[in-house]
Amino acid sequence: MHRKIAIIGGGNLGAAIAEGLLKSKFSKTSEITVTRRNTSINPLKPLGIEITSDNHAAVRKSDVIILAVKPFQIVELLKTIKKDISADKVLISVVTGVTMQEIETAIEKKISLFRAMPNTAISIRESMTCLCHQHAKEHDVNYVHELFSKLGKVISIDEKLMEAATILGACGIAYAMRYIRANIQGGIEIGFDAATASLIAAQTVKGAAELLLLKKSHPEQEIDKVTTPKGCTIAGLNEMEHRGFSSSLIRGVVASYNKIAKD
């Protein structure tokens, strides 16, 4: 059964979800409504998706509500639309740092409730999305899992790990980009122009990731295949480790987690 979806918050993430659901043919144009305060800015206009500033109407006519607003906005938003959220609806939050208990308290009712943590690669349907839920029926769990599967890969986790998922999966995009940028800079120094270095660096990282995903191997197994005795690869790796490459990355991940955990 096709369900009508309201995406509350038509910013980058909300718009990317809407576009991905259309391009994957999970939903039809008539089944998606996106809300945003400034309807004059409509990045989804070429796709024919309805943009409205009326949250109440969007929620009432939809079966599934995806909350894609800023964290500081969500509680006030939920208080204004809670009367429109009936018990038969599915509520999905992609808002960072807001627990299901906080959402349930704001709407003052128990419904099929989900938290999802995607990353910005959702815009090209290559997200890593972590899901958790409460009070959800099995068919709703299957539906939400399928929805996000159209936008990348999906795993179910305990809610207590959602902040950690934010760091590893969402912030992780930035960490990977910083590595690629450094690789490009190194490539330029050894002779490539910027465009060529960028292509080689990005495709190499993509290939490395696909090796792990498709072969389900450990990174060290793949590293061993390209390190030969007295070779250039091991010389480079050892120099990076002497300079603190792995420890710096680990410390960065932990620092980000400590920041989100404290806030």
C-alpha atoms as a PDB file:
ATOM      1  CA  MET A   1       0.000   0.000   0.000  1.00  0.00           C
ATOM      2  CA  HIS A   2       1.327   3.417  -0.960  1.00  0.00           C
ATOM      3  CA  ARG A   3       1.266   5.864   1.929  1.00  0.00           C
ATOM      4  CA  LYS A   4       1.122   9.625   1.831  1.00  0.00           C
ATOM      5  CA  ILE A   5       4.205  11.244   3.328  1.00  0.00           C
ATOM      6  CA  ALA A   6       4.586  14.683   4.905  1.00  0.00           C
ATOM      7  CA  ILE A   7       8.141  15.944   5.297  1.00  0.00           C
ATOM      8  CA  ILE A   8       8.091  18.718   7.870  1.00  0.00           C
ATOM      9  CA  GLY A   9      11.105  20.858   7.061  1.00  0.00           C
ATOM     10  CA  GLY A  10      12.109  21.410   3.459  1.00  0.00           C
ATOM     11  CA  GLY A  11      15.777  22.191   4.042  1.00  0.00           C
ATOM     12  CA  ASN A  12      18.666  20.250   2.533  1.00  0.00           C
ATOM     13  CA  LEU A  13      17.880  16.980   4.310  1.00  0.00           C
ATOM     14  CA  GLY A  14      14.108  17.112   3.882  1.00  0.00           C
ATOM     15  CA  ALA A  15      14.425  17.991   0.204  1.00  0.00           C
ATOM     16  CA  ALA A  16      16.990  15.225  -0.340  1.00  0.00           C
ATOM     17  CA  ILE A  17      14.669  12.640   1.217  1.00  0.00           C
ATOM     18  CA  ALA A  18      11.783  13.764  -0.989  1.00  0.00           C
ATOM     19  CA  GLU A  19      13.921  13.697  -4.125  1.00  0.00           C
ATOM     20  CA  GLY A  20      15.329  10.267  -3.285  1.00  0.00           C
ATOM     21  CA  LEU A  21      11.904   8.753  -2.685  1.00  0.00           C
ATOM     22  CA  LEU A  22      10.733  10.028  -6.057  1.00  0.00           C
ATOM     23  CA  LYS A  23      13.803   8.978  -8.030  1.00  0.00           C
ATOM     24  CA  SER A  24      13.737   5.496  -6.488  1.00  0.00           C
ATOM     25  CA  LYS A  25      10.018   5.239  -7.372  1.00  0.00           C
ATOM     26  CA  PHE A  26       9.197   4.449  -3.745  1.00  0.00           C
ATOM     27  CA  SER A  27       6.638   7.273  -3.822  1.00  0.00           C
ATOM     28  CA  LYS A  28       4.719   9.215  -6.436  1.00  0.00           C
ATOM     29  CA  THR A  29       4.704  13.004  -6.646  1.00  0.00           C
ATOM     30  CA  SER A  30       1.101  13.125  -5.422  1.00  0.00           C
ATOM     31  CA  GLU A  31       2.037  11.153  -2.296  1.00  0.00           C
ATOM     32  CA  ILE A  32       4.621  13.608  -0.935  1.00  0.00           C
ATOM     33  CA  THR A  33       4.087  16.987   0.713  1.00  0.00           C
ATOM     34  CA  VAL A  34       6.978  19.090   1.984  1.00  0.00           C
ATOM     35  CA  THR A  35       6.565  22.017   4.351  1.00  0.00           C
ATOM     36  CA  ARG A  36       8.804  25.028   4.848  1.00  0.00           C
ATOM     37  CA  ARG A  37       8.241  28.548   6.114  1.00  0.00           C
ATOM     38  CA  ASN A  38       9.474  30.279   2.971  1.00  0.00           C
ATOM     39  CA  THR A  39       7.585  28.634   0.131  1.00  0.00           C
ATOM     40  CA  SER A  40       9.087  31.014  -2.438  1.00  0.00           C
ATOM     41  CA  ILE A  41      12.259  28.919  -2.206  1.00  0.00           C
ATOM     42  CA  ASN A  42      11.278  25.605  -3.760  1.00  0.00           C
ATOM     43  CA  PRO A  43      14.186  23.344  -4.765  1.00  0.00           C
ATOM     44  CA  LEU A  44      11.661  20.592  -5.531  1.00  0.00           C
ATOM     45  CA  LYS A  45       9.611  22.586  -8.038  1.00  0.00           C
ATOM     46  CA  PRO A  46      11.113  20.794 -11.087  1.00  0.00           C
ATOM     47  CA  LEU A  47       9.899  17.495  -9.600  1.00  0.00           C
ATOM     48  CA  GLY A  48       6.340  18.740  -9.073  1.00  0.00           C
ATOM     49  CA  ILE A  49       6.338  18.128  -5.315  1.00  0.00           C
ATOM     50  CA  GLU A  50       3.914  20.276  -3.330  1.00  0.00           C
ATOM     51  CA  ILE A  51       5.538  22.790  -1.007  1.00  0.00           C
ATOM     52  CA  THR A  52       3.361  24.394   1.661  1.00  0.00           C
ATOM     53  CA  SER A  53       3.753  26.392   4.858  1.00  0.00           C
ATOM     54  CA  ASP A  54       0.705  24.693   6.412  1.00  0.00           C
ATOM     55  CA  ASN A  55       2.061  22.012   8.746  1.00  0.00           C
ATOM     56  CA  HIS A  56      -1.400  21.177  10.069  1.00  0.00           C
ATOM     57  CA  ALA A  57      -2.889  20.349   6.664  1.00  0.00           C
ATOM     58  CA  ALA A  58       0.193  18.400   5.613  1.00  0.00           C
ATOM     59  CA  VAL A  59       0.110  16.232   8.744  1.00  0.00           C
ATOM     60  CA  ARG A  60      -3.639  15.632   8.637  1.00  0.00           C
ATOM     61  CA  LYS A  61      -3.658  14.325   5.074  1.00  0.00           C
ATOM     62  CA  SER A  62      -0.564  12.124   5.471  1.00  0.00           C
ATOM     63  CA  ASP A  63      -0.005   8.623   6.835  1.00  0.00           C
ATOM     64  CA  VAL A  64       3.710   9.101   7.539  1.00  0.00           C
ATOM     65  CA  ILE A  65       5.283  12.232   9.019  1.00  0.00           C
ATOM     66  CA  ILE A  66       9.024  12.817   8.712  1.00  0.00           C
ATOM     67  CA  LEU A  67      10.368  15.513  11.029  1.00  0.00           C
ATOM     68  CA  ALA A  68      13.369  17.213   9.403  1.00  0.00           C
ATOM     69  CA  VAL A  69      13.638  20.493  11.307  1.00  0.00           C
ATOM     70  CA  LYS A  70      16.434  21.923  13.450  1.00  0.00           C
ATOM     71  CA  PRO A  71      16.785  20.409  16.965  1.00  0.00           C
ATOM     72  CA  PHE A  72      15.798  23.655  18.701  1.00  0.00           C
ATOM     73  CA  GLN A  73      12.569  23.793  16.673  1.00  0.00           C
ATOM     74  CA  ILE A  74      11.181  20.317  17.217  1.00  0.00           C
ATOM     75  CA  VAL A  75       9.514  20.560  20.641  1.00  0.00           C
ATOM     76  CA  GLU A  76       7.605  23.735  19.789  1.00  0.00           C
ATOM     77  CA  LEU A  77       6.666  22.277  16.408  1.00  0.00           C
ATOM     78  CA  LEU A  78       5.312  19.085  17.968  1.00  0.00           C
ATOM     79  CA  LYS A  79       3.222  21.053  20.443  1.00  0.00           C
ATOM     80  CA  THR A  80       1.548  22.915  17.580  1.00  0.00           C
ATOM     81  CA  ILE A  81       0.764  19.818  15.475  1.00  0.00           C
ATOM     82  CA  LYS A  82       0.103  17.209  18.166  1.00  0.00           C
ATOM     83  CA  LYS A  83      -3.676  17.445  17.666  1.00  0.00           C
ATOM     84  CA  ASP A  84      -3.154  16.571  13.993  1.00  0.00           C
ATOM     85  CA  ILE A  85      -1.127  13.440  14.806  1.00  0.00           C
ATOM     86  CA  SER A  86      -3.614  10.611  15.165  1.00  0.00           C
ATOM     87  CA  ALA A  87      -2.788   7.196  16.611  1.00  0.00           C
ATOM     88  CA  ASP A  88      -2.716   5.489  13.209  1.00  0.00           C
ATOM     89  CA  LYS A  89       0.097   7.654  11.830  1.00  0.00           C
ATOM     90  CA  VAL A  90       3.812   6.827  11.676  1.00  0.00           C
ATOM     91  CA  LEU A  91       6.163   9.490  13.007  1.00  0.00           C
ATOM     92  CA  ILE A  92       9.831   9.508  11.951  1.00  0.00           C
ATOM     93  CA  SER A  93      12.367  11.966  13.339  1.00  0.00           C
ATOM     94  CA  VAL A  94      15.661  12.647  11.566  1.00  0.00           C
ATOM     95  CA  VAL A  95      16.471  15.365  14.098  1.00  0.00           C
ATOM     96  CA  THR A  96      19.820  15.043  15.845  1.00  0.00           C
ATOM     97  CA  GLY A  97      19.914  14.641  19.616  1.00  0.00           C
ATOM     98  CA  VAL A  98      16.172  14.496  20.355  1.00  0.00           C
ATOM     99  CA  THR A  99      15.066  11.252  22.009  1.00  0.00           C
ATOM    100  CA  MET A 100      11.899   9.308  21.336  1.00  0.00           C
ATOM    101  CA  GLN A 101      10.851   9.929  24.926  1.00  0.00           C
ATOM    102  CA  GLU A 102      11.120  13.694  24.387  1.00  0.00           C
ATOM    103  CA  ILE A 103       9.030  13.406  21.233  1.00  0.00           C
ATOM    104  CA  GLU A 104       6.412  11.252  22.931  1.00  0.00           C
ATOM    105  CA  THR A 105       6.211  13.681  25.843  1.00  0.00           C
ATOM    106  CA  ALA A 106       5.662  16.588  23.448  1.00  0.00           C
ATOM    107  CA  ILE A 107       2.838  14.912  21.492  1.00  0.00           C
ATOM    108  CA  GLU A 108       1.305  13.339  24.629  1.00  0.00           C
ATOM    109  CA  LYS A 109       0.404  10.046  22.928  1.00  0.00           C
ATOM    110  CA  LYS A 110       1.906   6.714  21.951  1.00  0.00           C
ATOM    111  CA  ILE A 111       2.178   6.017  18.235  1.00  0.00           C
ATOM    112  CA  SER A 112       4.535   4.173  15.877  1.00  0.00           C
ATOM    113  CA  LEU A 113       7.621   6.277  16.487  1.00  0.00           C
ATOM    114  CA  PHE A 114      11.040   6.102  14.800  1.00  0.00           C
ATOM    115  CA  ARG A 115      14.353   7.889  14.977  1.00  0.00           C
ATOM    116  CA  ALA A 116      16.537   7.808  11.877  1.00  0.00           C
ATOM    117  CA  MET A 117      20.087   9.063  11.509  1.00  0.00           C
ATOM    118  CA  PRO A 118      21.028   9.369   7.834  1.00  0.00           C
ATOM    119  CA  ASN A 119      23.966  11.299   6.394  1.00  0.00           C
ATOM    120  CA  THR A 120      24.301  13.821   3.587  1.00  0.00           C
ATOM    121  CA  ALA A 121      24.958  11.090   1.007  1.00  0.00           C
ATOM    122  CA  ILE A 122      21.192  10.571   1.181  1.00  0.00           C
ATOM    123  CA  SER A 123      21.055  13.215  -1.574  1.00  0.00           C
ATOM    124  CA  ILE A 124      22.513  10.633  -3.985  1.00  0.00           C
ATOM    125  CA  ARG A 125      20.778   7.643  -2.332  1.00  0.00           C
ATOM    126  CA  GLU A 126      24.014   6.414  -0.745  1.00  0.00           C
ATOM    127  CA  SER A 127      23.272   7.224   2.895  1.00  0.00           C
ATOM    128  CA  MET A 128      24.155   5.090   5.880  1.00  0.00           C
ATOM    129  CA  THR A 129      20.997   5.328   7.974  1.00  0.00           C
ATOM    130  CA  CYS A 130      20.660   4.005  11.527  1.00  0.00           C
ATOM    131  CA  LEU A 131      17.131   3.331  12.822  1.00  0.00           C
ATOM    132  CA  CYS A 132      15.465   2.716  16.165  1.00  0.00           C
ATOM    133  CA  HIS A 133      11.794   2.649  17.131  1.00  0.00           C
ATOM    134  CA  GLN A 134       9.206   2.220  19.865  1.00  0.00           C
ATOM    135  CA  HIS A 135       5.501   1.264  19.897  1.00  0.00           C
ATOM    136  CA  ALA A 136       5.877   0.321  16.230  1.00  0.00           C
ATOM    137  CA  LYS A 137       3.903  -2.428  14.540  1.00  0.00           C
ATOM    138  CA  GLU A 138       5.848  -4.940  12.479  1.00  0.00           C
ATOM    139  CA  HIS A 139       4.431  -3.705   9.176  1.00  0.00           C
ATOM    140  CA  ASP A 140       5.429  -0.148  10.089  1.00  0.00           C
ATOM    141  CA  VAL A 141       8.972  -1.294  10.935  1.00  0.00           C
ATOM    142  CA  ASN A 142       9.207  -3.039   7.573  1.00  0.00           C
ATOM    143  CA  TYR A 143       7.826   0.024   5.780  1.00  0.00           C
ATOM    144  CA  VAL A 144      10.279   2.468   7.370  1.00  0.00           C
ATOM    145  CA  HIS A 145      13.193   0.117   6.767  1.00  0.00           C
ATOM    146  CA  GLU A 146      12.222  -0.167   3.105  1.00  0.00           C
ATOM    147  CA  LEU A 147      11.804   3.614   2.813  1.00  0.00           C
ATOM    148  CA  PHE A 148      15.349   4.327   3.961  1.00  0.00           C
ATOM    149  CA  SER A 149      16.709   1.347   2.017  1.00  0.00           C
ATOM    150  CA  LYS A 150      15.733   3.283  -1.100  1.00  0.00           C
ATOM    151  CA  LEU A 151      18.101   6.017   0.072  1.00  0.00           C
ATOM    152  CA  GLY A 152      21.153   3.891   0.917  1.00  0.00           C
ATOM    153  CA  LYS A 153      22.015   1.229   3.470  1.00  0.00           C
ATOM    154  CA  VAL A 154      20.088   0.756   6.725  1.00  0.00           C
ATOM    155  CA  ILE A 155      20.754  -0.878  10.072  1.00  0.00           C
ATOM    156  CA  SER A 156      18.641  -1.053  13.249  1.00  0.00           C
ATOM    157  CA  ILE A 157      20.359  -0.095  16.500  1.00  0.00           C
ATOM    158  CA  ASP A 158      19.449   0.623  20.130  1.00  0.00           C
ATOM    159  CA  GLU A 159      18.502   4.234  20.769  1.00  0.00           C
ATOM    160  CA  LYS A 160      21.366   4.566  23.248  1.00  0.00           C
ATOM    161  CA  LEU A 161      23.721   4.305  20.257  1.00  0.00           C
ATOM    162  CA  MET A 162      22.062   7.033  18.169  1.00  0.00           C
ATOM    163  CA  GLU A 163      24.522   9.723  19.267  1.00  0.00           C
ATOM    164  CA  ALA A 164      27.412   7.403  18.413  1.00  0.00           C
ATOM    165  CA  ALA A 165      25.744   6.731  15.049  1.00  0.00           C
ATOM    166  CA  THR A 166      25.618  10.488  14.458  1.00  0.00           C
ATOM    167  CA  ILE A 167      29.378  10.715  14.935  1.00  0.00           C
ATOM    168  CA  LEU A 168      30.402   7.648  12.952  1.00  0.00           C
ATOM    169  CA  GLY A 169      27.851   7.921  10.148  1.00  0.00           C
ATOM    170  CA  ALA A 170      26.928  11.594   9.809  1.00  0.00           C
ATOM    171  CA  CYS A 171      30.055  13.401  11.031  1.00  0.00           C
ATOM    172  CA  GLY A 172      32.007  10.603   9.356  1.00  0.00           C
ATOM    173  CA  ILE A 173      31.244  12.150   5.969  1.00  0.00           C
ATOM    174  CA  ALA A 174      33.283  15.197   7.001  1.00  0.00           C
ATOM    175  CA  TYR A 175      36.139  13.043   8.282  1.00  0.00           C
ATOM    176  CA  ALA A 176      36.260  11.152   4.977  1.00  0.00           C
ATOM    177  CA  MET A 177      36.144  14.411   3.016  1.00  0.00           C
ATOM    178  CA  ARG A 178      39.059  15.803   5.022  1.00  0.00           C
ATOM    179  CA  TYR A 179      41.109  12.682   4.223  1.00  0.00           C
ATOM    180  CA  ILE A 180      40.259  13.020   0.526  1.00  0.00           C
ATOM    181  CA  ARG A 181      41.179  16.705   0.566  1.00  0.00           C
ATOM    182  CA  ALA A 182      44.566  15.914   2.112  1.00  0.00           C
ATOM    183  CA  ASN A 183      45.114  13.180  -0.457  1.00  0.00           C
ATOM    184  CA  ILE A 184      44.352  15.662  -3.254  1.00  0.00           C
ATOM    185  CA  GLN A 185      46.847  18.138  -1.797  1.00  0.00           C
ATOM    186  CA  GLY A 186      49.474  15.421  -1.676  1.00  0.00           C
ATOM    187  CA  GLY A 187      48.658  14.446  -5.246  1.00  0.00           C
ATOM    188  CA  ILE A 188      49.183  18.010  -6.429  1.00  0.00           C
ATOM    189  CA  GLU A 189      52.540  18.154  -4.666  1.00  0.00           C
ATOM    190  CA  ILE A 190      53.749  15.038  -6.507  1.00  0.00           C
ATOM    191  CA  GLY A 191      52.700  16.296  -9.913  1.00  0.00           C
ATOM    192  CA  PHE A 192      48.968  16.038 -10.662  1.00  0.00           C
ATOM    193  CA  ASP A 193      46.677  18.936 -11.452  1.00  0.00           C
ATOM    194  CA  ALA A 194      43.834  19.499  -8.950  1.00  0.00           C
ATOM    195  CA  ALA A 195      41.053  18.000 -11.082  1.00  0.00           C
ATOM    196  CA  THR A 196      42.986  14.802 -11.835  1.00  0.00           C
ATOM    197  CA  ALA A 197      44.118  14.414  -8.218  1.00  0.00           C
ATOM    198  CA  SER A 198      40.512  14.891  -7.056  1.00  0.00           C
ATOM    199  CA  LEU A 199      39.205  12.202  -9.413  1.00  0.00           C
ATOM    200  CA  ILE A 200      41.894   9.687  -8.442  1.00  0.00           C
ATOM    201  CA  ALA A 201      41.482  10.342  -4.703  1.00  0.00           C
ATOM    202  CA  ALA A 202      37.670  10.190  -4.692  1.00  0.00           C
ATOM    203  CA  GLN A 203      37.391   7.080  -6.859  1.00  0.00           C
ATOM    204  CA  THR A 204      40.084   5.318  -4.837  1.00  0.00           C
ATOM    205  CA  VAL A 205      38.188   5.941  -1.590  1.00  0.00           C
ATOM    206  CA  LYS A 206      34.960   4.791  -3.244  1.00  0.00           C
ATOM    207  CA  GLY A 207      36.671   1.605  -4.407  1.00  0.00           C
ATOM    208  CA  ALA A 208      38.153   0.971  -0.958  1.00  0.00           C
ATOM    209  CA  ALA A 209      34.726   1.315   0.645  1.00  0.00           C
ATOM    210  CA  GLU A 210      33.131  -1.017  -1.914  1.00  0.00           C
ATOM    211  CA  LEU A 211      35.791  -3.658  -1.221  1.00  0.00           C
ATOM    212  CA  LEU A 212      34.811  -3.709   2.455  1.00  0.00           C
ATOM    213  CA  LEU A 213      31.065  -3.641   1.789  1.00  0.00           C
ATOM    214  CA  LEU A 214      30.981  -6.288  -0.934  1.00  0.00           C
ATOM    215  CA  LYS A 215      33.676  -8.641   0.346  1.00  0.00           C
ATOM    216  CA  LYS A 216      32.876  -8.032   4.048  1.00  0.00           C
ATOM    217  CA  SER A 217      36.592  -8.076   4.723  1.00  0.00           C
ATOM    218  CA  HIS A 218      38.585  -6.269   7.404  1.00  0.00           C
ATOM    219  CA  PRO A 219      40.546  -3.170   6.329  1.00  0.00           C
ATOM    220  CA  GLU A 220      43.838  -4.800   7.328  1.00  0.00           C
ATOM    221  CA  GLN A 221      43.181  -7.698   4.949  1.00  0.00           C
ATOM    222  CA  GLU A 222      42.919  -5.268   2.049  1.00  0.00           C
ATOM    223  CA  ILE A 223      45.919  -3.270   3.277  1.00  0.00           C
ATOM    224  CA  ASP A 224      48.038  -6.436   3.301  1.00  0.00           C
ATOM    225  CA  LYS A 225      47.299  -6.946  -0.406  1.00  0.00           C
ATOM    226  CA  VAL A 226      48.985  -3.683  -1.369  1.00  0.00           C
ATOM    227  CA  THR A 227      51.914  -3.650   1.056  1.00  0.00           C
ATOM    228  CA  THR A 228      55.045  -5.427  -0.125  1.00  0.00           C
ATOM    229  CA  PRO A 229      58.394  -5.789   1.697  1.00  0.00           C
ATOM    230  CA  LYS A 230      60.406  -2.570   1.412  1.00  0.00           C
ATOM    231  CA  GLY A 231      57.602  -1.133  -0.729  1.00  0.00           C
ATOM    232  CA  CYS A 232      56.328   2.418  -1.107  1.00  0.00           C
ATOM    233  CA  THR A 233      52.911   1.672   0.463  1.00  0.00           C
ATOM    234  CA  ILE A 234      54.268   0.473   3.805  1.00  0.00           C
ATOM    235  CA  ALA A 235      56.755   3.356   3.859  1.00  0.00           C
ATOM    236  CA  GLY A 236      53.898   5.818   3.475  1.00  0.00           C
ATOM    237  CA  LEU A 237      51.656   4.071   6.000  1.00  0.00           C
ATOM    238  CA  ASN A 238      54.411   3.924   8.601  1.00  0.00           C
ATOM    239  CA  GLU A 239      55.196   7.627   8.146  1.00  0.00           C
ATOM    240  CA  MET A 240      51.488   8.460   8.604  1.00  0.00           C
ATOM    241  CA  GLU A 241      51.342   6.382  11.776  1.00  0.00           C
ATOM    242  CA  HIS A 242      54.530   8.012  13.113  1.00  0.00           C
ATOM    243  CA  ARG A 243      52.753  11.331  12.611  1.00  0.00           C
ATOM    244  CA  GLY A 244      49.688  10.115  14.501  1.00  0.00           C
ATOM    245  CA  PHE A 245      47.278   9.383  11.631  1.00  0.00           C
ATOM    246  CA  SER A 246      45.154   6.676  13.297  1.00  0.00           C
ATOM    247  CA  SER A 247      45.365   8.121  16.791  1.00  0.00           C
ATOM    248  CA  SER A 248      44.352  11.576  15.518  1.00  0.00           C
ATOM    249  CA  LEU A 249      41.320  10.153  13.758  1.00  0.00           C
ATOM    250  CA  ILE A 250      40.279   8.128  16.805  1.00  0.00           C
ATOM    251  CA  ARG A 251      40.736  11.147  19.063  1.00  0.00           C
ATOM    252  CA  GLY A 252      38.646  13.222  16.664  1.00  0.00           C
ATOM    253  CA  VAL A 253      35.796  10.695  16.695  1.00  0.00           C
ATOM    254  CA  VAL A 254      35.844  10.557  20.499  1.00  0.00           C
ATOM    255  CA  ALA A 255      36.022  14.373  20.778  1.00  0.00           C
ATOM    256  CA  SER A 256      32.954  14.714  18.555  1.00  0.00           C
ATOM    257  CA  TYR A 257      31.109  12.103  20.609  1.00  0.00           C
ATOM    258  CA  ASN A 258      32.010  13.823  23.905  1.00  0.00           C
ATOM    259  CA  LYS A 259      30.686  17.090  22.476  1.00  0.00           C
ATOM    260  CA  ILE A 260      27.302  15.649  21.440  1.00  0.00           C
ATOM    261  CA  ALA A 261      27.004  13.621  24.659  1.00  0.00           C
ATOM    262  CA  LYS A 262      27.577  16.702  26.849  1.00  0.00           C
ATOM    263  CA  ASP A 263      25.209  18.895  24.854  1.00  0.00           C
END
